[in-house]
Amino acid sequence: MIEFIDVHKAFGAKVVLAGVTLTVRPGRCVFIIGKSGAGKSVLVKQLVGLIRPDHGEIRFEGQPISGFKERDFYPLRTRCAMVFQHSTLFDSMTLLDNVALPLRKHQRLGQAAARAAAREHLAQVRMDHLAERFPADIGDGLRKRVAIARALTLKPDYVIFDEPTTGLDPVSARHVDALIRSLSDSAGVTSLVVSHDLRSIFGVADRVVMLYQGKVRLDGTPAAFRESDDPIVHQFVRGLADGPMEV
């Protein structure tokens, strides 16, 4: 279980998070939504120590982690993997070697064993037939699948996805959605997804948390968002350009 308790974060005079409290329970697929600059990525990056909160507490399975030193986050990051928006693959390495790298680094596997295990993870995301290609040889959607395979190499209990479908064509985006959903349904992985993609939100999420002006505006099921009469929520769901969110 992951808990954010009264979390605050500002960058200079700009307040991004102003008291966010939420709980993420195991095995669920939770989407964090909100307009650009609402603090979605800032919130989830605090979980793995990439950003530190100014105030409040974050707990990982009951353990307070806000005061961790950098080295304390190393074991946590093997259990809580992160898939970044731009995939962050190494251009000079094949897809297979990109996925094998964390196996060699963290599990100390030899090259042959790491590559064999990496091929299995690529098969998990239906990319094993392209294992010897390089990132520049494939499209954004396929690179995102490889990044997911790499994140799964250490068998994490939690995976954070930062805008996983941004910049993808609709077909590639739905493939990524299916992968995220299968992690919860088949592998029991808890997924925490930052997204603007309404099709992803309403097609994949078990629960949706909307941030607005540094706080949780609504926390509920996708159906609760569709049915909400809150004008801020309604504007986001309907994709309206004008209204309270622009004030």
C-alpha atoms as a PDB file:
ATOM      1  CA  MET A   1       0.000   0.000   0.000  1.00  0.00           C
ATOM      2  CA  ILE A   2       1.162   3.523  -0.816  1.00  0.00           C
ATOM      3  CA  GLU A   3       0.054   6.504   1.254  1.00  0.00           C
ATOM      4  CA  PHE A   4       0.462  10.216   0.561  1.00  0.00           C
ATOM      5  CA  ILE A   5      -0.422  12.189   3.688  1.00  0.00           C
ATOM      6  CA  ASP A   6      -0.861  15.984   3.476  1.00  0.00           C
ATOM      7  CA  VAL A   7       1.914  16.279   0.884  1.00  0.00           C
ATOM      8  CA  HIS A   8       3.065  19.787  -0.083  1.00  0.00           C
ATOM      9  CA  LYS A   9       5.537  20.813  -2.777  1.00  0.00           C
ATOM     10  CA  ALA A  10       6.504  24.212  -4.198  1.00  0.00           C
ATOM     11  CA  PHE A  11       9.157  25.351  -6.641  1.00  0.00           C
ATOM     12  CA  GLY A  12      10.062  28.846  -5.549  1.00  0.00           C
ATOM     13  CA  ALA A  13       6.870  30.874  -5.381  1.00  0.00           C
ATOM     14  CA  LYS A  14       4.904  28.338  -7.422  1.00  0.00           C
ATOM     15  CA  VAL A  15       2.885  26.011  -5.202  1.00  0.00           C
ATOM     16  CA  VAL A  16       2.275  22.697  -6.990  1.00  0.00           C
ATOM     17  CA  LEU A  17       0.923  20.457  -4.233  1.00  0.00           C
ATOM     18  CA  ALA A  18      -0.940  21.996  -1.314  1.00  0.00           C
ATOM     19  CA  GLY A  19      -1.948  19.089   0.898  1.00  0.00           C
ATOM     20  CA  VAL A  20      -2.530  15.926  -1.147  1.00  0.00           C
ATOM     21  CA  THR A  21      -3.762  12.896   0.755  1.00  0.00           C
ATOM     22  CA  LEU A  22      -4.542   9.605  -0.950  1.00  0.00           C
ATOM     23  CA  THR A  23      -4.051   5.867  -0.520  1.00  0.00           C
ATOM     24  CA  VAL A  24      -3.192   3.391  -3.291  1.00  0.00           C
ATOM     25  CA  ARG A  25      -4.138  -0.168  -2.406  1.00  0.00           C
ATOM     26  CA  PRO A  26      -2.405  -3.242  -3.883  1.00  0.00           C
ATOM     27  CA  GLY A  27      -3.495  -4.787  -7.159  1.00  0.00           C
ATOM     28  CA  ARG A  28      -5.371  -1.757  -8.450  1.00  0.00           C
ATOM     29  CA  CYS A  29      -4.897   0.460 -11.480  1.00  0.00           C
ATOM     30  CA  VAL A  30      -5.084   4.055 -10.273  1.00  0.00           C
ATOM     31  CA  PHE A  31      -4.973   7.036 -12.649  1.00  0.00           C
ATOM     32  CA  ILE A  32      -3.785  10.478 -11.512  1.00  0.00           C
ATOM     33  CA  ILE A  33      -5.336  13.127 -13.754  1.00  0.00           C
ATOM     34  CA  GLY A  34      -5.589  16.905 -13.995  1.00  0.00           C
ATOM     35  CA  LYS A  35      -4.611  19.756 -16.273  1.00  0.00           C
ATOM     36  CA  SER A  36      -0.978  20.434 -17.191  1.00  0.00           C
ATOM     37  CA  GLY A  37       0.925  21.750 -14.181  1.00  0.00           C
ATOM     38  CA  ALA A  38      -1.468  20.225 -11.660  1.00  0.00           C
ATOM     39  CA  GLY A  39       1.369  18.280 -10.020  1.00  0.00           C
ATOM     40  CA  LYS A  40       0.635  14.765 -11.249  1.00  0.00           C
ATOM     41  CA  SER A  41       4.195  13.831 -12.185  1.00  0.00           C
ATOM     42  CA  VAL A  42       5.587  15.753  -9.216  1.00  0.00           C
ATOM     43  CA  LEU A  43       3.444  13.637  -6.902  1.00  0.00           C
ATOM     44  CA  VAL A  44       4.442  10.223  -8.246  1.00  0.00           C
ATOM     45  CA  LYS A  45       8.140  11.078  -8.609  1.00  0.00           C
ATOM     46  CA  GLN A  46       8.231  11.748  -4.877  1.00  0.00           C
ATOM     47  CA  LEU A  47       7.406   8.098  -4.299  1.00  0.00           C
ATOM     48  CA  VAL A  48      10.762   6.971  -5.724  1.00  0.00           C
ATOM     49  CA  GLY A  49      12.798   9.872  -4.395  1.00  0.00           C
ATOM     50  CA  LEU A  50      13.275  11.811  -7.632  1.00  0.00           C
ATOM     51  CA  ILE A  51      11.609  14.808  -5.973  1.00  0.00           C
ATOM     52  CA  ARG A  52      11.319  15.417  -2.233  1.00  0.00           C
ATOM     53  CA  PRO A  53       8.202  16.825  -0.526  1.00  0.00           C
ATOM     54  CA  ASP A  54       8.437  20.088   1.375  1.00  0.00           C
ATOM     55  CA  HIS A  55       5.944  18.931   3.974  1.00  0.00           C
ATOM     56  CA  GLY A  56       3.835  15.878   4.694  1.00  0.00           C
ATOM     57  CA  GLU A  57       4.591  12.178   4.683  1.00  0.00           C
ATOM     58  CA  ILE A  58       4.777   9.376   2.127  1.00  0.00           C
ATOM     59  CA  ARG A  59       4.553   5.767   3.287  1.00  0.00           C
ATOM     60  CA  PHE A  60       5.433   2.662   1.314  1.00  0.00           C
ATOM     61  CA  GLU A  61       3.789  -0.418   2.835  1.00  0.00           C
ATOM     62  CA  GLY A  62       3.610   1.335   6.181  1.00  0.00           C
ATOM     63  CA  GLN A  63       7.189   2.641   6.201  1.00  0.00           C
ATOM     64  CA  PRO A  64       7.729   6.415   6.111  1.00  0.00           C
ATOM     65  CA  ILE A  65      10.064   7.181   3.205  1.00  0.00           C
ATOM     66  CA  SER A  66       9.989  10.974   2.969  1.00  0.00           C
ATOM     67  CA  GLY A  67      13.194  11.262   4.964  1.00  0.00           C
ATOM     68  CA  PHE A  68      15.083   8.549   3.075  1.00  0.00           C
ATOM     69  CA  LYS A  69      18.591   9.240   1.865  1.00  0.00           C
ATOM     70  CA  GLU A  70      19.337   8.480  -1.778  1.00  0.00           C
ATOM     71  CA  ARG A  71      20.815   5.045  -1.045  1.00  0.00           C
ATOM     72  CA  ASP A  72      17.699   4.094   0.943  1.00  0.00           C
ATOM     73  CA  PHE A  73      15.624   4.380  -2.220  1.00  0.00           C
ATOM     74  CA  TYR A  74      17.623   1.738  -4.124  1.00  0.00           C
ATOM     75  CA  PRO A  75      15.726  -1.320  -2.783  1.00  0.00           C
ATOM     76  CA  LEU A  76      12.415   0.556  -3.012  1.00  0.00           C
ATOM     77  CA  ARG A  77      13.003   1.275  -6.711  1.00  0.00           C
ATOM     78  CA  THR A  78      13.340  -2.441  -7.461  1.00  0.00           C
ATOM     79  CA  ARG A  79       9.857  -2.977  -6.026  1.00  0.00           C
ATOM     80  CA  CYS A  80       8.356   0.221  -7.451  1.00  0.00           C
ATOM     81  CA  ALA A  81       9.514   0.635 -11.051  1.00  0.00           C
ATOM     82  CA  MET A  82       8.934   3.734 -13.155  1.00  0.00           C
ATOM     83  CA  VAL A  83       8.215   3.970 -16.884  1.00  0.00           C
ATOM     84  CA  PHE A  84       9.053   7.484 -18.019  1.00  0.00           C
ATOM     85  CA  GLN A  85       7.160   9.404 -20.678  1.00  0.00           C
ATOM     86  CA  HIS A  86       9.994   9.249 -23.222  1.00  0.00           C
ATOM     87  CA  SER A  87      10.987   5.599 -22.630  1.00  0.00           C
ATOM     88  CA  THR A  88      14.665   6.482 -21.860  1.00  0.00           C
ATOM     89  CA  LEU A  89      16.158   3.586 -23.821  1.00  0.00           C
ATOM     90  CA  PHE A  90      19.864   3.597 -24.691  1.00  0.00           C
ATOM     91  CA  ASP A  91      20.185   4.305 -28.418  1.00  0.00           C
ATOM     92  CA  SER A  92      23.495   2.456 -28.738  1.00  0.00           C
ATOM     93  CA  MET A  93      22.101  -0.800 -27.366  1.00  0.00           C
ATOM     94  CA  THR A  94      19.722  -3.288 -28.942  1.00  0.00           C
ATOM     95  CA  LEU A  95      16.255  -3.651 -27.470  1.00  0.00           C
ATOM     96  CA  LEU A  96      17.346  -6.956 -25.961  1.00  0.00           C
ATOM     97  CA  ASP A  97      20.385  -5.435 -24.290  1.00  0.00           C
ATOM     98  CA  ASN A  98      18.326  -2.493 -23.003  1.00  0.00           C
ATOM     99  CA  VAL A  99      16.058  -4.944 -21.194  1.00  0.00           C
ATOM    100  CA  ALA A 100      18.965  -7.131 -20.076  1.00  0.00           C
ATOM    101  CA  LEU A 101      20.839  -4.215 -18.487  1.00  0.00           C
ATOM    102  CA  PRO A 102      18.964  -4.079 -15.137  1.00  0.00           C
ATOM    103  CA  LEU A 103      19.197  -7.872 -14.880  1.00  0.00           C
ATOM    104  CA  ARG A 104      22.959  -7.684 -15.209  1.00  0.00           C
ATOM    105  CA  LYS A 105      23.263  -4.681 -12.901  1.00  0.00           C
ATOM    106  CA  HIS A 106      20.854  -5.597 -10.102  1.00  0.00           C
ATOM    107  CA  GLN A 107      20.669  -9.382 -10.246  1.00  0.00           C
ATOM    108  CA  ARG A 108      24.291  -9.865 -11.293  1.00  0.00           C
ATOM    109  CA  LEU A 109      23.325 -12.239 -14.087  1.00  0.00           C
ATOM    110  CA  GLY A 110      25.906 -13.099 -16.704  1.00  0.00           C
ATOM    111  CA  GLN A 111      25.386 -11.812 -20.220  1.00  0.00           C
ATOM    112  CA  ALA A 112      23.847 -15.022 -21.607  1.00  0.00           C
ATOM    113  CA  ALA A 113      21.466 -15.484 -18.678  1.00  0.00           C
ATOM    114  CA  ALA A 114      20.455 -11.815 -18.699  1.00  0.00           C
ATOM    115  CA  ARG A 115      19.747 -11.855 -22.427  1.00  0.00           C
ATOM    116  CA  ALA A 116      17.694 -15.033 -22.117  1.00  0.00           C
ATOM    117  CA  ALA A 117      15.588 -13.529 -19.327  1.00  0.00           C
ATOM    118  CA  ALA A 118      15.290 -10.259 -21.248  1.00  0.00           C
ATOM    119  CA  ARG A 119      13.937 -12.111 -24.267  1.00  0.00           C
ATOM    120  CA  GLU A 120      11.208 -13.592 -22.077  1.00  0.00           C
ATOM    121  CA  HIS A 121      10.226 -10.126 -20.877  1.00  0.00           C
ATOM    122  CA  LEU A 122      10.148  -8.850 -24.445  1.00  0.00           C
ATOM    123  CA  ALA A 123       7.868 -11.753 -25.324  1.00  0.00           C
ATOM    124  CA  GLN A 124       5.616 -10.663 -22.470  1.00  0.00           C
ATOM    125  CA  VAL A 125       5.006  -7.386 -24.322  1.00  0.00           C
ATOM    126  CA  ARG A 126       5.075  -9.050 -27.782  1.00  0.00           C
ATOM    127  CA  MET A 127       8.387  -7.518 -28.807  1.00  0.00           C
ATOM    128  CA  ASP A 128      10.704 -10.542 -28.830  1.00  0.00           C
ATOM    129  CA  HIS A 129      10.670 -10.702 -32.645  1.00  0.00           C
ATOM    130  CA  LEU A 130      12.384  -7.286 -32.705  1.00  0.00           C
ATOM    131  CA  ALA A 131      14.897  -8.053 -29.949  1.00  0.00           C
ATOM    132  CA  GLU A 132      17.998  -7.329 -32.022  1.00  0.00           C
ATOM    133  CA  ARG A 133      16.726  -3.996 -33.377  1.00  0.00           C
ATOM    134  CA  PHE A 134      17.831  -0.637 -31.995  1.00  0.00           C
ATOM    135  CA  PRO A 135      15.476   1.981 -30.488  1.00  0.00           C
ATOM    136  CA  ALA A 136      15.869   4.239 -33.535  1.00  0.00           C
ATOM    137  CA  ASP A 137      14.562   1.418 -35.748  1.00  0.00           C
ATOM    138  CA  ILE A 138      11.098   1.301 -34.167  1.00  0.00           C
ATOM    139  CA  GLY A 139       8.264   3.714 -33.418  1.00  0.00           C
ATOM    140  CA  ASP A 140       7.328   5.438 -30.174  1.00  0.00           C
ATOM    141  CA  GLY A 141       4.621   2.930 -29.281  1.00  0.00           C
ATOM    142  CA  LEU A 142       6.997  -0.019 -29.643  1.00  0.00           C
ATOM    143  CA  ARG A 143       9.683   1.761 -27.644  1.00  0.00           C
ATOM    144  CA  LYS A 144       7.145   2.259 -24.871  1.00  0.00           C
ATOM    145  CA  ARG A 145       6.485  -1.480 -24.827  1.00  0.00           C
ATOM    146  CA  VAL A 146      10.220  -2.140 -24.486  1.00  0.00           C
ATOM    147  CA  ALA A 147      10.401   0.333 -21.601  1.00  0.00           C
ATOM    148  CA  ILE A 148       7.588  -1.562 -19.888  1.00  0.00           C
ATOM    149  CA  ALA A 149       9.453  -4.856 -20.443  1.00  0.00           C
ATOM    150  CA  ARG A 150      12.566  -3.333 -18.880  1.00  0.00           C
ATOM    151  CA  ALA A 151      10.551  -2.121 -15.884  1.00  0.00           C
ATOM    152  CA  LEU A 152       9.237  -5.647 -15.336  1.00  0.00           C
ATOM    153  CA  THR A 153      12.669  -7.299 -15.233  1.00  0.00           C
ATOM    154  CA  LEU A 154      12.970  -7.040 -11.455  1.00  0.00           C
ATOM    155  CA  LYS A 155       9.391  -8.242 -10.930  1.00  0.00           C
ATOM    156  CA  PRO A 156       8.142  -5.059  -9.209  1.00  0.00           C
ATOM    157  CA  ASP A 157       5.010  -5.006  -7.080  1.00  0.00           C
ATOM    158  CA  TYR A 158       4.228  -1.464  -8.247  1.00  0.00           C
ATOM    159  CA  VAL A 159       4.780   0.297 -11.568  1.00  0.00           C
ATOM    160  CA  ILE A 160       4.473   4.052 -12.104  1.00  0.00           C
ATOM    161  CA  PHE A 161       3.604   5.157 -15.639  1.00  0.00           C
ATOM    162  CA  ASP A 162       4.208   8.822 -16.484  1.00  0.00           C
ATOM    163  CA  GLU A 163       2.007   9.796 -19.462  1.00  0.00           C
ATOM    164  CA  PRO A 164       2.356   6.360 -21.113  1.00  0.00           C
ATOM    165  CA  THR A 165       0.250   7.138 -24.194  1.00  0.00           C
ATOM    166  CA  THR A 166       1.328  10.736 -24.866  1.00  0.00           C
ATOM    167  CA  GLY A 167       2.489  11.157 -28.469  1.00  0.00           C
ATOM    168  CA  LEU A 168       1.290   7.717 -29.570  1.00  0.00           C
ATOM    169  CA  ASP A 169      -1.135   6.990 -32.379  1.00  0.00           C
ATOM    170  CA  PRO A 170      -4.508   5.577 -31.242  1.00  0.00           C
ATOM    171  CA  VAL A 171      -3.641   1.949 -32.064  1.00  0.00           C
ATOM    172  CA  SER A 172      -0.300   2.069 -30.221  1.00  0.00           C
ATOM    173  CA  ALA A 173      -1.952   3.821 -27.278  1.00  0.00           C
ATOM    174  CA  ARG A 174      -4.543   1.074 -26.943  1.00  0.00           C
ATOM    175  CA  HIS A 175      -1.798  -1.584 -27.026  1.00  0.00           C
ATOM    176  CA  VAL A 176      -0.102   0.185 -24.126  1.00  0.00           C
ATOM    177  CA  ASP A 177      -3.453   0.414 -22.304  1.00  0.00           C
ATOM    178  CA  ALA A 178      -3.902  -3.344 -22.685  1.00  0.00           C
ATOM    179  CA  LEU A 179      -0.448  -3.982 -21.255  1.00  0.00           C
ATOM    180  CA  ILE A 180      -1.115  -1.785 -18.232  1.00  0.00           C
ATOM    181  CA  ARG A 181      -4.460  -3.452 -17.600  1.00  0.00           C
ATOM    182  CA  SER A 182      -2.962  -6.945 -17.927  1.00  0.00           C
ATOM    183  CA  LEU A 183      -0.365  -6.163 -15.251  1.00  0.00           C
ATOM    184  CA  SER A 184      -3.128  -5.761 -12.683  1.00  0.00           C
ATOM    185  CA  ASP A 185      -5.386  -8.526 -13.975  1.00  0.00           C
ATOM    186  CA  SER A 186      -2.777 -11.217 -14.663  1.00  0.00           C
ATOM    187  CA  ALA A 187       0.273 -10.332 -12.582  1.00  0.00           C
ATOM    188  CA  GLY A 188      -1.303  -8.539  -9.623  1.00  0.00           C
ATOM    189  CA  VAL A 189       0.883  -5.475 -10.157  1.00  0.00           C
ATOM    190  CA  THR A 190      -0.328  -2.176  -8.734  1.00  0.00           C
ATOM    191  CA  SER A 191      -0.231   0.493 -11.453  1.00  0.00           C
ATOM    192  CA  LEU A 192      -0.097   4.225 -10.738  1.00  0.00           C
ATOM    193  CA  VAL A 193      -0.688   6.050 -14.023  1.00  0.00           C
ATOM    194  CA  VAL A 194      -0.296   9.756 -14.784  1.00  0.00           C
ATOM    195  CA  SER A 195      -2.392  10.523 -17.859  1.00  0.00           C
ATOM    196  CA  HIS A 196      -4.437  13.026 -19.862  1.00  0.00           C
ATOM    197  CA  ASP A 197      -5.810  10.323 -22.172  1.00  0.00           C
ATOM    198  CA  LEU A 198      -9.556  10.009 -21.566  1.00  0.00           C
ATOM    199  CA  ARG A 199      -9.811   6.722 -23.475  1.00  0.00           C
ATOM    200  CA  SER A 200      -7.124   5.258 -21.239  1.00  0.00           C
ATOM    201  CA  ILE A 201      -8.710   6.673 -18.109  1.00  0.00           C
ATOM    202  CA  PHE A 202     -12.152   5.284 -18.796  1.00  0.00           C
ATOM    203  CA  GLY A 203     -10.971   2.064 -20.426  1.00  0.00           C
ATOM    204  CA  VAL A 204      -8.295   0.951 -17.960  1.00  0.00           C
ATOM    205  CA  ALA A 205      -8.614   2.585 -14.535  1.00  0.00           C
ATOM    206  CA  ASP A 206     -10.131   1.007 -11.439  1.00  0.00           C
ATOM    207  CA  ARG A 207      -9.921   4.353  -9.710  1.00  0.00           C
ATOM    208  CA  VAL A 208      -9.279   7.951 -10.773  1.00  0.00           C
ATOM    209  CA  VAL A 209      -7.797  10.750  -8.661  1.00  0.00           C
ATOM    210  CA  MET A 210      -8.072  14.290  -9.998  1.00  0.00           C
ATOM    211  CA  LEU A 211      -5.691  17.002  -8.805  1.00  0.00           C
ATOM    212  CA  TYR A 212      -6.734  20.640  -8.983  1.00  0.00           C
ATOM    213  CA  GLN A 213      -5.016  23.662  -7.434  1.00  0.00           C
ATOM    214  CA  GLY A 214      -2.700  21.423  -5.439  1.00  0.00           C
ATOM    215  CA  LYS A 215      -5.357  19.232  -3.846  1.00  0.00           C
ATOM    216  CA  VAL A 216      -7.439  16.152  -4.610  1.00  0.00           C
ATOM    217  CA  ARG A 217     -10.606  17.392  -6.308  1.00  0.00           C
ATOM    218  CA  LEU A 218     -12.298  14.027  -6.753  1.00  0.00           C
ATOM    219  CA  ASP A 219     -11.298  10.465  -5.935  1.00  0.00           C
ATOM    220  CA  GLY A 220     -13.508   7.695  -7.254  1.00  0.00           C
ATOM    221  CA  THR A 221     -14.379   5.224  -9.966  1.00  0.00           C
ATOM    222  CA  PRO A 222     -14.456   6.180 -13.657  1.00  0.00           C
ATOM    223  CA  ALA A 223     -18.255   6.060 -13.419  1.00  0.00           C
ATOM    224  CA  ALA A 224     -18.174   8.596 -10.576  1.00  0.00           C
ATOM    225  CA  PHE A 225     -16.234  10.976 -12.829  1.00  0.00           C
ATOM    226  CA  ARG A 226     -18.671  10.593 -15.708  1.00  0.00           C
ATOM    227  CA  GLU A 227     -21.607  11.252 -13.409  1.00  0.00           C
ATOM    228  CA  SER A 228     -20.057  14.089 -11.378  1.00  0.00           C
ATOM    229  CA  ASP A 229     -21.805  17.466 -11.425  1.00  0.00           C
ATOM    230  CA  ASP A 230     -18.629  19.248 -10.274  1.00  0.00           C
ATOM    231  CA  PRO A 231     -17.959  21.895 -12.985  1.00  0.00           C
ATOM    232  CA  ILE A 232     -14.180  21.384 -12.767  1.00  0.00           C
ATOM    233  CA  VAL A 233     -14.518  17.638 -13.282  1.00  0.00           C
ATOM    234  CA  HIS A 234     -17.126  18.130 -15.977  1.00  0.00           C
ATOM    235  CA  GLN A 235     -14.830  20.479 -17.891  1.00  0.00           C
ATOM    236  CA  PHE A 236     -11.977  17.976 -17.864  1.00  0.00           C
ATOM    237  CA  VAL A 237     -14.136  14.998 -18.843  1.00  0.00           C
ATOM    238  CA  ARG A 238     -15.809  16.942 -21.654  1.00  0.00           C
ATOM    239  CA  GLY A 239     -12.551  18.486 -22.841  1.00  0.00           C
ATOM    240  CA  LEU A 240     -13.968  21.993 -22.697  1.00  0.00           C
ATOM    241  CA  ALA A 241     -11.608  24.889 -23.406  1.00  0.00           C
ATOM    242  CA  ASP A 242     -13.353  27.496 -21.278  1.00  0.00           C
ATOM    243  CA  GLY A 243     -14.673  27.492 -17.746  1.00  0.00           C
ATOM    244  CA  PRO A 244     -13.524  27.386 -14.150  1.00  0.00           C
ATOM    245  CA  MET A 245     -10.338  25.422 -14.858  1.00  0.00           C
ATOM    246  CA  GLU A 246      -8.912  28.340 -16.793  1.00  0.00           C
ATOM    247  CA  VAL A 247      -9.417  30.892 -14.030  1.00  0.00           C
END
